[in-house]
N, C-alpha and C. Protein backbone atom coordinates (compact mmCIF):
# COMPACT_ATOMS: atom_id res chain seq x y z
N UNK A 1 12.04 -8.73 31.73
CA UNK A 1 12.04 -9.84 30.80
C UNK A 1 12.43 -9.38 29.40
N UNK A 2 12.07 -8.14 29.03
CA UNK A 2 12.40 -7.66 27.70
C UNK A 2 13.90 -7.61 27.47
N UNK A 3 14.67 -7.31 28.51
CA UNK A 3 16.11 -7.21 28.35
C UNK A 3 16.76 -8.59 28.14
N UNK A 4 16.05 -9.65 28.49
CA UNK A 4 16.61 -10.99 28.38
C UNK A 4 16.63 -11.51 26.95
N UNK A 5 15.77 -10.96 26.08
CA UNK A 5 15.63 -11.49 24.73
C UNK A 5 15.98 -10.43 23.69
N UNK A 6 16.69 -10.84 22.67
CA UNK A 6 16.94 -9.94 21.54
C UNK A 6 15.70 -9.95 20.66
N UNK A 7 15.64 -9.01 19.68
CA UNK A 7 14.47 -8.95 18.81
C UNK A 7 14.29 -10.25 18.02
N UNK A 8 15.40 -10.85 17.59
CA UNK A 8 15.32 -12.12 16.86
C UNK A 8 14.79 -13.24 17.74
N UNK A 9 15.25 -13.26 19.01
CA UNK A 9 14.77 -14.27 19.95
C UNK A 9 13.28 -14.10 20.22
N UNK A 10 12.81 -12.85 20.33
CA UNK A 10 11.39 -12.58 20.61
C UNK A 10 10.53 -13.15 19.50
N UNK A 11 10.96 -12.93 18.24
CA UNK A 11 10.20 -13.46 17.11
C UNK A 11 10.28 -14.99 17.06
N UNK A 12 11.47 -15.54 17.37
CA UNK A 12 11.67 -16.99 17.33
C UNK A 12 10.75 -17.69 18.33
N UNK A 13 10.62 -17.13 19.53
CA UNK A 13 9.81 -17.76 20.57
C UNK A 13 8.37 -17.28 20.57
N UNK A 14 7.99 -16.39 19.64
CA UNK A 14 6.62 -15.93 19.53
C UNK A 14 6.19 -15.06 20.70
N UNK A 15 7.10 -14.30 21.26
CA UNK A 15 6.76 -13.44 22.39
C UNK A 15 6.03 -12.19 21.91
N UNK A 16 5.28 -11.59 22.81
CA UNK A 16 4.51 -10.39 22.49
C UNK A 16 5.45 -9.21 22.27
N UNK A 17 4.87 -8.08 21.90
CA UNK A 17 5.65 -6.86 21.66
C UNK A 17 6.45 -6.49 22.89
N UNK A 18 7.60 -5.87 22.65
CA UNK A 18 8.41 -5.39 23.75
C UNK A 18 7.74 -4.16 24.33
N UNK A 19 7.47 -4.16 25.62
CA UNK A 19 6.81 -3.03 26.27
C UNK A 19 7.80 -2.38 27.22
N UNK A 20 7.95 -1.06 27.10
CA UNK A 20 8.87 -0.32 27.96
C UNK A 20 8.11 0.83 28.60
N UNK A 21 8.56 1.26 29.78
CA UNK A 21 7.89 2.38 30.43
C UNK A 21 8.38 3.71 29.85
N UNK A 22 7.66 4.78 30.13
CA UNK A 22 7.97 6.08 29.53
C UNK A 22 9.37 6.57 29.90
N UNK A 23 9.76 6.40 31.13
CA UNK A 23 11.08 6.88 31.55
C UNK A 23 12.17 6.14 30.77
N UNK A 24 12.04 4.83 30.67
CA UNK A 24 13.02 4.04 29.92
C UNK A 24 13.02 4.45 28.44
N UNK A 25 11.84 4.73 27.90
CA UNK A 25 11.75 5.15 26.50
C UNK A 25 12.46 6.48 26.28
N UNK A 26 12.33 7.43 27.22
CA UNK A 26 13.03 8.72 27.09
C UNK A 26 14.54 8.51 27.15
N UNK A 27 14.97 7.61 28.00
CA UNK A 27 16.40 7.37 28.17
C UNK A 27 17.01 6.67 26.96
N UNK A 28 16.31 5.72 26.39
CA UNK A 28 16.85 4.87 25.33
C UNK A 28 16.05 4.98 24.03
N UNK A 29 15.51 6.16 23.73
CA UNK A 29 14.65 6.32 22.57
C UNK A 29 15.32 5.90 21.27
N UNK A 30 16.57 6.30 21.05
CA UNK A 30 17.23 5.97 19.78
C UNK A 30 17.36 4.45 19.62
N UNK A 31 17.62 3.72 20.69
CA UNK A 31 17.71 2.26 20.63
C UNK A 31 16.37 1.67 20.21
N UNK A 32 15.28 2.17 20.81
CA UNK A 32 13.95 1.63 20.50
C UNK A 32 13.50 2.00 19.09
N UNK A 33 13.88 3.17 18.63
CA UNK A 33 13.57 3.55 17.25
C UNK A 33 14.29 2.61 16.28
N UNK A 34 15.56 2.33 16.54
CA UNK A 34 16.31 1.39 15.69
C UNK A 34 15.66 0.00 15.69
N UNK A 35 15.20 -0.45 16.85
CA UNK A 35 14.54 -1.75 16.92
C UNK A 35 13.23 -1.75 16.14
N UNK A 36 12.47 -0.66 16.23
CA UNK A 36 11.21 -0.56 15.47
C UNK A 36 11.49 -0.55 13.97
N UNK A 37 12.54 0.15 13.55
CA UNK A 37 12.91 0.16 12.13
C UNK A 37 13.33 -1.21 11.65
N UNK A 38 13.88 -2.02 12.56
CA UNK A 38 14.31 -3.38 12.22
C UNK A 38 13.14 -4.36 12.19
N UNK A 39 11.93 -3.89 12.54
CA UNK A 39 10.76 -4.75 12.46
C UNK A 39 10.21 -5.22 13.78
N UNK A 40 10.87 -4.86 14.88
CA UNK A 40 10.37 -5.29 16.18
C UNK A 40 9.27 -4.35 16.65
N UNK A 41 8.28 -4.89 17.30
CA UNK A 41 7.18 -4.08 17.83
C UNK A 41 7.57 -3.56 19.21
N UNK A 42 7.60 -2.23 19.36
CA UNK A 42 7.96 -1.60 20.62
C UNK A 42 6.77 -0.78 21.09
N UNK A 43 6.31 -1.07 22.31
CA UNK A 43 5.17 -0.38 22.89
C UNK A 43 5.64 0.39 24.12
N UNK A 44 5.26 1.66 24.18
CA UNK A 44 5.59 2.50 25.34
C UNK A 44 4.36 2.53 26.24
N UNK A 45 4.59 2.26 27.54
CA UNK A 45 3.48 2.15 28.49
C UNK A 45 3.68 3.08 29.68
N UNK A 46 2.56 3.34 30.39
CA UNK A 46 2.60 4.08 31.66
C UNK A 46 1.88 3.21 32.68
N UNK A 47 2.57 2.88 33.72
CA UNK A 47 2.03 2.03 34.79
C UNK A 47 1.52 0.70 34.23
N UNK A 48 2.24 0.17 33.23
CA UNK A 48 1.89 -1.12 32.66
C UNK A 48 0.77 -1.07 31.63
N UNK A 49 0.20 0.12 31.39
CA UNK A 49 -0.88 0.25 30.41
C UNK A 49 -0.29 0.79 29.10
N UNK A 50 -0.41 0.05 28.00
CA UNK A 50 0.16 0.49 26.72
C UNK A 50 -0.43 1.83 26.28
N UNK A 51 0.44 2.74 25.83
CA UNK A 51 0.01 4.06 25.37
C UNK A 51 0.21 4.24 23.87
N UNK A 52 1.43 3.97 23.40
CA UNK A 52 1.74 4.18 21.98
C UNK A 52 2.62 3.04 21.48
N UNK A 53 2.62 2.88 20.15
CA UNK A 53 3.43 1.86 19.51
C UNK A 53 4.40 2.56 18.56
N UNK A 54 5.68 2.23 18.65
CA UNK A 54 6.68 2.76 17.71
C UNK A 54 6.66 1.90 16.46
N UNK A 55 6.54 2.55 15.32
CA UNK A 55 6.56 1.83 14.05
C UNK A 55 7.12 2.73 12.97
N UNK A 56 7.74 2.16 11.94
CA UNK A 56 8.31 2.98 10.87
C UNK A 56 7.21 3.67 10.06
N UNK A 57 7.54 4.82 9.52
CA UNK A 57 6.63 5.54 8.64
C UNK A 57 6.69 4.90 7.26
N UNK A 58 5.53 4.58 6.71
CA UNK A 58 5.46 3.97 5.38
C UNK A 58 5.46 5.10 4.36
N UNK A 59 6.43 5.10 3.48
CA UNK A 59 6.50 6.14 2.45
C UNK A 59 5.61 5.77 1.28
N UNK A 60 5.08 6.77 0.62
CA UNK A 60 4.22 6.55 -0.54
C UNK A 60 5.06 6.03 -1.71
N UNK A 61 4.47 5.19 -2.53
CA UNK A 61 5.21 4.74 -3.71
C UNK A 61 5.45 5.92 -4.65
N UNK A 62 6.46 5.85 -5.48
CA UNK A 62 6.72 6.96 -6.40
C UNK A 62 5.53 7.16 -7.34
N UNK A 63 5.26 8.39 -7.74
CA UNK A 63 4.12 8.64 -8.63
C UNK A 63 4.33 7.97 -9.99
N UNK A 64 3.22 7.58 -10.59
CA UNK A 64 3.29 6.94 -11.90
C UNK A 64 3.66 7.97 -12.96
N UNK A 65 4.50 7.56 -13.87
CA UNK A 65 4.91 8.44 -14.96
C UNK A 65 4.07 8.11 -16.18
N UNK A 66 3.20 9.02 -16.56
CA UNK A 66 2.33 8.79 -17.70
C UNK A 66 3.08 9.05 -19.01
N UNK A 67 2.74 8.30 -20.01
CA UNK A 67 3.32 8.51 -21.33
C UNK A 67 4.72 7.96 -21.50
N UNK A 68 5.15 7.08 -20.64
CA UNK A 68 6.53 6.58 -20.75
C UNK A 68 6.74 5.70 -21.98
N UNK A 69 5.65 5.22 -22.61
CA UNK A 69 5.78 4.41 -23.83
C UNK A 69 5.50 5.23 -25.09
N UNK A 70 5.35 6.54 -24.94
CA UNK A 70 5.02 7.38 -26.10
C UNK A 70 6.07 7.22 -27.19
N UNK A 71 5.60 6.96 -28.41
CA UNK A 71 6.50 6.81 -29.55
C UNK A 71 7.06 5.43 -29.73
N UNK A 72 6.80 4.50 -28.81
CA UNK A 72 7.36 3.16 -28.95
C UNK A 72 6.37 2.18 -29.57
N UNK A 73 5.10 2.54 -29.61
CA UNK A 73 4.07 1.66 -30.15
C UNK A 73 3.42 2.35 -31.35
N UNK A 74 3.20 1.58 -32.39
CA UNK A 74 2.57 2.15 -33.58
C UNK A 74 1.35 1.30 -33.93
N UNK A 75 0.20 1.95 -34.08
CA UNK A 75 -1.03 1.25 -34.40
C UNK A 75 -1.27 1.42 -35.90
N UNK A 76 -1.34 0.31 -36.61
CA UNK A 76 -1.51 0.32 -38.05
C UNK A 76 -2.98 0.24 -38.46
N UNK A 77 -3.88 0.00 -37.54
CA UNK A 77 -5.29 -0.21 -37.86
C UNK A 77 -5.99 1.11 -38.14
N UNK A 78 -6.94 1.06 -39.06
CA UNK A 78 -7.84 2.19 -39.30
C UNK A 78 -9.16 1.79 -38.66
N UNK A 79 -9.36 2.20 -37.41
CA UNK A 79 -10.51 1.73 -36.65
C UNK A 79 -11.83 2.12 -37.29
N UNK A 80 -11.89 3.31 -37.87
CA UNK A 80 -13.14 3.74 -38.50
C UNK A 80 -13.48 2.82 -39.68
N UNK A 81 -12.51 2.51 -40.51
CA UNK A 81 -12.75 1.64 -41.67
C UNK A 81 -13.00 0.20 -41.23
N UNK A 82 -12.22 -0.29 -40.28
CA UNK A 82 -12.33 -1.68 -39.85
C UNK A 82 -13.67 -1.99 -39.19
N UNK A 83 -14.25 -1.01 -38.50
CA UNK A 83 -15.50 -1.23 -37.79
C UNK A 83 -16.66 -0.42 -38.37
N UNK A 84 -16.55 -0.07 -39.63
CA UNK A 84 -17.56 0.77 -40.27
C UNK A 84 -18.95 0.14 -40.23
N UNK A 85 -19.03 -1.15 -40.52
CA UNK A 85 -20.34 -1.83 -40.54
C UNK A 85 -20.97 -1.83 -39.14
N UNK A 86 -20.17 -2.12 -38.12
CA UNK A 86 -20.69 -2.14 -36.75
C UNK A 86 -21.14 -0.75 -36.31
N UNK A 87 -20.37 0.27 -36.65
CA UNK A 87 -20.72 1.64 -36.28
C UNK A 87 -22.02 2.05 -36.98
N UNK A 88 -22.13 1.72 -38.25
CA UNK A 88 -23.33 2.07 -39.01
C UNK A 88 -24.56 1.38 -38.42
N UNK A 89 -24.42 0.12 -38.05
CA UNK A 89 -25.54 -0.62 -37.46
C UNK A 89 -25.97 0.02 -36.13
N UNK A 90 -25.02 0.45 -35.32
CA UNK A 90 -25.36 1.09 -34.05
C UNK A 90 -26.07 2.41 -34.26
N UNK A 91 -25.61 3.20 -35.23
CA UNK A 91 -26.23 4.49 -35.52
C UNK A 91 -27.64 4.29 -36.03
N UNK A 92 -27.84 3.33 -36.93
CA UNK A 92 -29.17 3.06 -37.46
C UNK A 92 -30.09 2.54 -36.36
N UNK A 93 -29.56 1.75 -35.44
CA UNK A 93 -30.36 1.24 -34.34
C UNK A 93 -30.83 2.38 -33.45
N UNK A 94 -29.96 3.36 -33.21
CA UNK A 94 -30.33 4.50 -32.38
C UNK A 94 -31.42 5.34 -33.04
N UNK A 95 -31.50 5.32 -34.38
CA UNK A 95 -32.50 6.12 -35.08
C UNK A 95 -33.87 5.47 -35.06
N UNK A 96 -33.94 4.17 -34.78
CA UNK A 96 -35.21 3.48 -34.74
C UNK A 96 -35.96 3.84 -33.46
N UNK A 97 -37.30 3.91 -33.54
CA UNK A 97 -38.07 4.08 -32.29
C UNK A 97 -37.84 2.89 -31.39
N UNK A 98 -37.96 3.10 -30.10
CA UNK A 98 -37.65 2.08 -29.12
C UNK A 98 -38.49 0.81 -29.34
N UNK A 99 -39.72 0.96 -29.75
CA UNK A 99 -40.60 -0.20 -29.92
C UNK A 99 -40.21 -1.08 -31.10
N UNK A 100 -39.46 -0.52 -32.07
CA UNK A 100 -39.07 -1.28 -33.26
C UNK A 100 -37.68 -1.90 -33.15
N UNK A 101 -37.00 -1.66 -32.06
CA UNK A 101 -35.64 -2.22 -31.90
C UNK A 101 -35.70 -3.72 -31.66
N UNK A 102 -34.70 -4.43 -32.18
CA UNK A 102 -34.69 -5.90 -32.00
C UNK A 102 -34.44 -6.30 -30.55
């Protein structure tokens, strides 16, 4: 039955994965690899019992490049001066005994 349908037909009609026996897989491995790369599910079986599934290897995404925006952004704020009151309040709060904190 698998030979009657192309991979597109199998998906169109909602048929299950294409299952082939080990001997057929050895004979036509390159064909089945190409079909798996095209998105078709290919299962290799022995005596009708599924053993393995052919599927493409998923490659890792490229590593992130850190610092790619270095030198393109300029921060004009003086954080110490802008938040001086808040920083001072936090430091003074830490100096208070725990029982006297608000």
